């Protein structure tokens, strides 16, 4: 004999069971969506914190590099200024030496000019003396010749 059991449910009960199942599934889905949203929010917060931390590190590195570059520029500027001052002192010293040398040369040229004027004056006197001697010799020679030819 076969025992078949029949279960009879009313349509209202079936619909109620379906509605309950849908409500239960909706609650589970809402809970899972809530958990997913919480994970997304947590991940979003972590990503933002990492971005902020990296941004801060990058800014600190940039500031540090900027400071180092400015310090190097300042050091180089000071070194160049000192080199220019030393060069200027050397140029001033050399220019002063040239001025002193020029003064010495001017004195020597003036001395040479004075000596040349003295030599020129002496030469004029020597030329006049030579003219007088030559004239005297000519006169003496002419007189001897004149007196020796006419006895």
C-alpha atoms as a PDB file:
ATOM      1  CA  UNK A   1       0.000   0.000   0.000  1.00  0.00           C
ATOM      2  CA  UNK A   2       1.245   3.275  -0.728  1.00  0.00           C
ATOM      3  CA  UNK A   3       1.029   5.878   1.737  1.00  0.00           C
ATOM      4  CA  UNK A   4       0.715   9.154   0.126  1.00  0.00           C
ATOM      5  CA  UNK A   5       0.340  12.051   2.277  1.00  0.00           C
ATOM      6  CA  UNK A   6      -1.076  15.167   1.037  1.00  0.00           C
ATOM      7  CA  UNK A   7      -0.336  18.446   2.499  1.00  0.00           C
ATOM      8  CA  UNK A   8      -2.640  21.162   1.748  1.00  0.00           C
ATOM      9  CA  UNK A   9      -1.672  24.739   2.087  1.00  0.00           C
ATOM     10  CA  UNK A  10      -3.760  27.659   1.421  1.00  0.00           C
ATOM     11  CA  UNK A  11      -2.716  30.301  -1.032  1.00  0.00           C
ATOM     12  CA  UNK A  12      -2.501  32.835   1.718  1.00  0.00           C
ATOM     13  CA  UNK A  13      -0.087  30.640   3.638  1.00  0.00           C
ATOM     14  CA  UNK A  14       2.080  30.126   0.536  1.00  0.00           C
ATOM     15  CA  UNK A  15       2.123  33.845  -0.175  1.00  0.00           C
ATOM     16  CA  UNK A  16       2.900  34.538   3.466  1.00  0.00           C
ATOM     17  CA  UNK A  17       5.800  32.065   3.364  1.00  0.00           C
ATOM     18  CA  UNK A  18       7.074  33.685   0.121  1.00  0.00           C
ATOM     19  CA  UNK A  19       6.786  37.162   1.598  1.00  0.00           C
ATOM     20  CA  UNK A  20       8.612  36.029   4.734  1.00  0.00           C
ATOM     21  CA  UNK A  21      11.343  34.495   2.617  1.00  0.00           C
ATOM     22  CA  UNK A  22      11.622  37.707   0.532  1.00  0.00           C
ATOM     23  CA  UNK A  23      11.744  39.800   3.705  1.00  0.00           C
ATOM     24  CA  UNK A  24      14.419  37.548   5.140  1.00  0.00           C
ATOM     25  CA  UNK A  25      16.464  37.746   1.932  1.00  0.00           C
ATOM     26  CA  UNK A  26      16.043  41.538   1.827  1.00  0.00           C
ATOM     27  CA  UNK A  27      17.314  41.805   5.406  1.00  0.00           C
ATOM     28  CA  UNK A  28      20.334  39.658   4.532  1.00  0.00           C
ATOM     29  CA  UNK A  29      20.994  41.726   1.411  1.00  0.00           C
ATOM     30  CA  UNK A  30      20.669  44.988   3.371  1.00  0.00           C
ATOM     31  CA  UNK A  31      23.043  43.640   6.001  1.00  0.00           C
ATOM     32  CA  UNK A  32      25.548  42.586   3.306  1.00  0.00           C
ATOM     33  CA  UNK A  33      25.207  45.987   1.564  1.00  0.00           C
ATOM     34  CA  UNK A  34      25.769  47.681   4.925  1.00  0.00           C
ATOM     35  CA  UNK A  35      28.900  45.552   5.504  1.00  0.00           C
ATOM     36  CA  UNK A  36      30.137  46.276   1.971  1.00  0.00           C
ATOM     37  CA  UNK A  37      29.536  50.006   2.496  1.00  0.00           C
ATOM     38  CA  UNK A  38      31.429  49.837   5.776  1.00  0.00           C
ATOM     39  CA  UNK A  39      34.332  48.069   4.028  1.00  0.00           C
ATOM     40  CA  UNK A  40      34.261  50.633   1.221  1.00  0.00           C
ATOM     41  CA  UNK A  41      34.225  53.460   3.780  1.00  0.00           C
ATOM     42  CA  UNK A  42      37.073  51.834   5.693  1.00  0.00           C
ATOM     43  CA  UNK A  43      39.095  51.309   2.504  1.00  0.00           C
ATOM     44  CA  UNK A  44      38.292  54.833   1.386  1.00  0.00           C
ATOM     45  CA  UNK A  45      39.480  56.162   4.728  1.00  0.00           C
ATOM     46  CA  UNK A  46      42.698  54.091   4.514  1.00  0.00           C
ATOM     47  CA  UNK A  47      43.343  55.281   0.956  1.00  0.00           C
ATOM     48  CA  UNK A  48      42.769  58.909   1.984  1.00  0.00           C
ATOM     49  CA  UNK A  49      45.092  58.481   4.967  1.00  0.00           C
ATOM     50  CA  UNK A  50      47.771  56.955   2.712  1.00  0.00           C
ATOM     51  CA  UNK A  51      47.332  59.759   0.186  1.00  0.00           C
ATOM     52  CA  UNK A  52      47.540  62.362   2.962  1.00  0.00           C
ATOM     53  CA  UNK A  53      50.616  60.671   4.444  1.00  0.00           C
ATOM     54  CA  UNK A  54      52.302  60.432   1.033  1.00  0.00           C
ATOM     55  CA  UNK A  55      51.329  64.018   0.257  1.00  0.00           C
ATOM     56  CA  UNK A  56      52.846  65.132   3.540  1.00  0.00           C
ATOM     57  CA  UNK A  57      56.043  63.126   2.898  1.00  0.00           C
ATOM     58  CA  UNK A  58      56.350  64.549  -0.613  1.00  0.00           C
ATOM     59  CA  UNK A  59      55.840  68.087   0.696  1.00  0.00           C
ATOM     60  CA  UNK A  60      58.445  67.510   3.408  1.00  0.00           C
ATOM     61  CA  UNK A  61      60.912  66.179   0.822  1.00  0.00           C
ATOM     62  CA  UNK A  62      60.217  69.121  -1.458  1.00  0.00           C
ATOM     63  CA  UNK A  63      60.662  71.550   1.440  1.00  0.00           C
ATOM     64  CA  UNK A  64      63.870  69.824   2.488  1.00  0.00           C
ATOM     65  CA  UNK A  65      65.243  69.869  -1.069  1.00  0.00           C
ATOM     66  CA  UNK A  66      64.174  73.479  -1.482  1.00  0.00           C
ATOM     67  CA  UNK A  67      65.958  74.385   1.741  1.00  0.00           C
ATOM     68  CA  UNK A  68      69.113  72.504   0.663  1.00  0.00           C
ATOM     69  CA  UNK A  69      69.100  74.205  -2.742  1.00  0.00           C
ATOM     70  CA  UNK A  70      68.669  77.625  -1.130  1.00  0.00           C
ATOM     71  CA  UNK A  71      71.504  76.901   1.304  1.00  0.00           C
ATOM     72  CA  UNK A  72      73.770  75.805  -1.562  1.00  0.00           C
ATOM     73  CA  UNK A  73      72.849  78.913  -3.544  1.00  0.00           C
ATOM     74  CA  UNK A  74      73.560  81.095  -0.505  1.00  0.00           C
ATOM     75  CA  UNK A  75      76.928  79.366   0.076  1.00  0.00           C
ATOM     76  CA  UNK A  76      77.879  79.679  -3.578  1.00  0.00           C
ATOM     77  CA  UNK A  77      76.771  83.316  -3.602  1.00  0.00           C
ATOM     78  CA  UNK A  78      78.933  84.068  -0.563  1.00  0.00           C
ATOM     79  CA  UNK A  79      81.905  82.211  -2.069  1.00  0.00           C
ATOM     80  CA  UNK A  80      81.530  84.080  -5.358  1.00  0.00           C
ATOM     81  CA  UNK A  81      81.254  87.409  -3.529  1.00  0.00           C
ATOM     82  CA  UNK A  82      84.435  86.592  -1.590  1.00  0.00           C
ATOM     83  CA  UNK A  83      86.226  85.572  -4.787  1.00  0.00           C
ATOM     84  CA  UNK A  84      85.109  88.817  -6.455  1.00  0.00           C
ATOM     85  CA  UNK A  85      86.350  90.828  -3.452  1.00  0.00           C
ATOM     86  CA  UNK A  86      89.710  89.033  -3.569  1.00  0.00           C
ATOM     87  CA  UNK A  87      89.911  89.570  -7.328  1.00  0.00           C
ATOM     88  CA  UNK A  88      89.011  93.241  -6.863  1.00  0.00           C
ATOM     89  CA  UNK A  89      91.696  93.600  -4.173  1.00  0.00           C
ATOM     90  CA  UNK A  90      94.229  91.986  -6.521  1.00  0.00           C
ATOM     91  CA  UNK A  91      93.183  94.276  -9.385  1.00  0.00           C
ATOM     92  CA  UNK A  92      93.388  97.325  -7.079  1.00  0.00           C
ATOM     93  CA  UNK A  93      96.846  96.255  -5.905  1.00  0.00           C
ATOM     94  CA  UNK A  94      98.037  95.711  -9.476  1.00  0.00           C
ATOM     95  CA  UNK A  95      96.529  99.041 -10.561  1.00  0.00           C
ATOM     96  CA  UNK A  96      98.265 100.771  -7.640  1.00  0.00           C
ATOM     97  CA  UNK A  97     101.551  99.135  -8.659  1.00  0.00           C
ATOM     98  CA  UNK A  98     100.993 100.343 -12.224  1.00  0.00           C
ATOM     99  CA  UNK A  99     100.310 103.872 -10.992  1.00  0.00           C
ATOM    100  CA  UNK A 100     103.485 103.814  -8.891  1.00  0.00           C
ATOM    101  CA  UNK A 101     105.414 102.418 -11.863  1.00  0.00           C
ATOM    102  CA  UNK A 102     103.944 105.085 -14.124  1.00  0.00           C
ATOM    103  CA  UNK A 103     105.013 107.764 -11.650  1.00  0.00           C
ATOM    104  CA  UNK A 104     108.535 106.340 -11.599  1.00  0.00           C
ATOM    105  CA  UNK A 105     108.602 106.201 -15.407  1.00  0.00           C
ATOM    106  CA  UNK A 106     107.332 109.770 -15.609  1.00  0.00           C
ATOM    107  CA  UNK A 107     110.137 110.891 -13.299  1.00  0.00           C
ATOM    108  CA  UNK A 108     112.680 108.987 -15.398  1.00  0.00           C
ATOM    109  CA  UNK A 109     111.330 110.472 -18.643  1.00  0.00           C
ATOM    110  CA  UNK A 110     111.492 113.964 -17.131  1.00  0.00           C
ATOM    111  CA  UNK A 111     115.058 113.252 -15.981  1.00  0.00           C
ATOM    112  CA  UNK A 112     115.979 111.970 -19.432  1.00  0.00           C
ATOM    113  CA  UNK A 113     114.348 115.045 -21.001  1.00  0.00           C
ATOM    114  CA  UNK A 114     116.385 117.330 -18.722  1.00  0.00           C
ATOM    115  CA  UNK A 115     119.573 115.448 -19.543  1.00  0.00           C
ATOM    116  CA  UNK A 116     118.750 115.618 -23.270  1.00  0.00           C
ATOM    117  CA  UNK A 117     118.276 119.380 -23.020  1.00  0.00           C
ATOM    118  CA  UNK A 118     121.638 119.597 -21.259  1.00  0.00           C
ATOM    119  CA  UNK A 119     123.246 117.457 -23.960  1.00  0.00           C
ATOM    120  CA  UNK A 120     121.657 119.578 -26.695  1.00  0.00           C
ATOM    121  CA  UNK A 121     122.932 122.720 -25.024  1.00  0.00           C
ATOM    122  CA  UNK A 122     126.383 121.165 -24.657  1.00  0.00           C
ATOM    123  CA  UNK A 123     126.331 120.054 -28.291  1.00  0.00           C
ATOM    124  CA  UNK A 124     125.520 123.588 -29.416  1.00  0.00           C
ATOM    125  CA  UNK A 125     128.442 124.829 -27.405  1.00  0.00           C
ATOM    126  CA  UNK A 126     130.654 122.069 -28.825  1.00  0.00           C
ATOM    127  CA  UNK A 127     129.570 122.910 -32.356  1.00  0.00           C
ATOM    128  CA  UNK A 128     130.367 126.595 -31.808  1.00  0.00           C
ATOM    129  CA  UNK A 129     133.668 125.631 -30.277  1.00  0.00           C
ATOM    130  CA  UNK A 130     134.398 123.391 -33.244  1.00  0.00           C
ATOM    131  CA  UNK A 131     133.441 126.186 -35.654  1.00  0.00           C
ATOM    132  CA  UNK A 132     135.739 128.580 -33.810  1.00  0.00           C
ATOM    133  CA  UNK A 133     138.582 126.020 -33.834  1.00  0.00           C
ATOM    134  CA  UNK A 134     138.095 125.223 -37.514  1.00  0.00           C
ATOM    135  CA  UNK A 135     137.833 128.905 -38.375  1.00  0.00           C
ATOM    136  CA  UNK A 136     140.936 129.576 -36.322  1.00  0.00           C
ATOM    137  CA  UNK A 137     142.764 126.740 -38.061  1.00  0.00           C
ATOM    138  CA  UNK A 138     141.681 128.015 -41.453  1.00  0.00           C
ATOM    139  CA  UNK A 139     142.721 131.519 -40.594  1.00  0.00           C
ATOM    140  CA  UNK A 140     146.019 130.282 -39.184  1.00  0.00           C
ATOM    141  CA  UNK A 141     146.606 128.069 -42.202  1.00  0.00           C
ATOM    142  CA  UNK A 142     145.691 130.903 -44.564  1.00  0.00           C
ATOM    143  CA  UNK A 143     147.937 133.288 -42.717  1.00  0.00           C
ATOM    144  CA  UNK A 144     150.862 130.850 -42.812  1.00  0.00           C
ATOM    145  CA  UNK A 145     150.271 130.249 -46.443  1.00  0.00           C
ATOM    146  CA  UNK A 146     150.001 133.941 -47.144  1.00  0.00           C
ATOM    147  CA  UNK A 147     153.094 134.791 -45.172  1.00  0.00           C
ATOM    148  CA  UNK A 148     155.161 131.930 -46.434  1.00  0.00           C
ATOM    149  CA  UNK A 149     154.377 132.546 -50.071  1.00  0.00           C
ATOM    150  CA  UNK A 150     155.249 136.248 -49.954  1.00  0.00           C
ATOM    151  CA  UNK A 151     158.695 136.632 -48.535  1.00  0.00           C
END
